[in-house]
Protein backbone atom coordinates (compact mmCIF):
# COMPACT_ATOMS: atom_id res chain seq x y z
CA MET A 1 -6.49 -107.18 -27.44
CA CYS A 2 -7.40 -106.82 -31.07
CA LEU A 3 -5.51 -105.47 -33.86
CA GLY A 4 -6.86 -102.59 -36.02
CA ILE A 5 -5.62 -102.19 -39.56
CA VAL A 6 -5.92 -98.63 -41.41
CA GLY A 7 -7.41 -98.30 -44.67
CA ARG A 8 -8.54 -95.68 -47.03
CA ILE A 9 -11.98 -95.87 -48.72
CA VAL A 10 -11.62 -96.17 -52.73
CA THR A 11 -15.09 -96.68 -53.53
CA LEU A 12 -18.58 -97.19 -52.13
CA ALA A 13 -20.83 -99.98 -53.61
CA ASP A 14 -23.92 -98.46 -55.01
CA ASP A 15 -25.57 -102.05 -54.96
CA HIS A 16 -24.71 -102.80 -51.39
CA PRO A 17 -24.62 -99.86 -49.06
CA ASP A 18 -22.60 -101.90 -46.21
CA LEU A 19 -19.60 -102.59 -48.54
CA ALA A 20 -16.70 -100.31 -49.78
CA ARG A 21 -13.59 -101.14 -51.59
CA VAL A 22 -10.79 -100.14 -49.24
CA GLU A 23 -7.08 -99.92 -49.91
CA VAL A 24 -4.91 -101.65 -47.28
CA ALA A 25 -1.13 -101.62 -47.41
CA GLY A 26 -1.16 -101.50 -51.31
CA MET A 27 -3.99 -104.10 -51.97
CA THR A 28 -7.68 -103.32 -52.37
CA ARG A 29 -10.31 -105.54 -50.63
CA ASN A 30 -14.15 -105.37 -49.70
CA ILE A 31 -14.81 -104.15 -46.21
CA ASN A 32 -18.14 -103.98 -44.48
CA VAL A 33 -18.55 -100.40 -43.45
CA GLY A 34 -22.24 -100.88 -41.98
CA ILE A 35 -21.18 -99.98 -38.52
CA LEU A 36 -20.25 -96.72 -39.54
CA ARG A 37 -23.36 -96.08 -41.44
CA ASP A 38 -24.07 -92.69 -39.73
CA GLU A 39 -20.50 -91.49 -40.60
CA LYS A 40 -21.43 -90.40 -44.16
CA LEU A 41 -18.44 -92.08 -45.69
CA VAL A 42 -16.88 -90.87 -48.84
CA PRO A 43 -13.78 -92.01 -51.03
CA GLY A 44 -10.65 -90.84 -49.58
CA ASP A 45 -11.92 -91.39 -45.80
CA TRP A 46 -9.56 -93.34 -43.66
CA ILE A 47 -11.01 -96.03 -41.23
CA LEU A 48 -9.84 -98.56 -38.83
CA ILE A 49 -10.63 -102.19 -39.65
CA HIS A 50 -10.84 -105.18 -37.76
CA ALA A 51 -11.82 -108.71 -39.22
CA GLY A 52 -13.15 -107.18 -42.30
CA PHE A 53 -15.31 -104.54 -40.53
CA ALA A 54 -14.96 -100.84 -40.40
CA MET A 55 -14.88 -100.10 -36.67
CA GLU A 56 -13.96 -96.29 -36.75
CA LYS A 57 -13.50 -93.43 -39.06
CA ILE A 58 -10.12 -91.68 -38.31
CA ASP A 59 -8.38 -88.55 -39.55
CA GLU A 60 -5.42 -88.71 -41.81
CA GLN A 61 -2.85 -87.90 -39.21
CA THR A 62 -4.16 -90.66 -36.93
CA ALA A 63 -4.04 -93.12 -39.91
CA ARG A 64 -0.42 -92.13 -40.40
CA ASN A 65 0.32 -92.55 -36.96
CA GLN A 66 -1.26 -96.00 -36.81
CA MET A 67 0.56 -97.22 -39.98
CA SER A 68 3.87 -96.06 -38.60
CA ALA A 69 3.29 -97.63 -35.30
CA LEU A 70 2.36 -100.88 -36.99
CA LYS A 71 5.46 -100.48 -39.15
CA ASP A 72 7.76 -100.00 -36.14
CA TYR A 73 6.13 -103.06 -34.30
CA THR A 74 6.25 -105.47 -37.09
CA GLY A 75 9.16 -104.29 -39.13
CA GLY A 76 6.83 -104.14 -42.19
CA ASP A 77 6.66 -101.74 -45.15
CA GLN A 78 3.81 -99.41 -45.38
CA ASP A 79 5.43 -97.45 -47.92
CA SER A 80 2.73 -98.18 -50.70
CA ALA A 81 0.09 -96.72 -48.29
CA ASP A 82 1.96 -93.77 -47.51
CA GLU A 83 2.78 -92.89 -51.08
CA ASP A 84 -0.89 -93.19 -52.04
CA ALA A 85 -1.93 -90.80 -49.20
CA SER A 86 0.27 -88.00 -50.58
């Protein structure tokens, strides 16, 4: 079983089409989005990430459900991601 983390695309790299800056739980990091090349990603899109790679584009409701489930499971605080999405 693998754990996917939800993130929201902030910017896409002009000089490297397979990279995006993605906000994950209040932190921004580079994520490889090459697998989703055909999805026509734009800033604001939600993605499911595993090991630094975007595995799937998801809608906002699915993202919120995933963040809530992870918060329930870990007892962690995802409030910063929830606030940014509003």
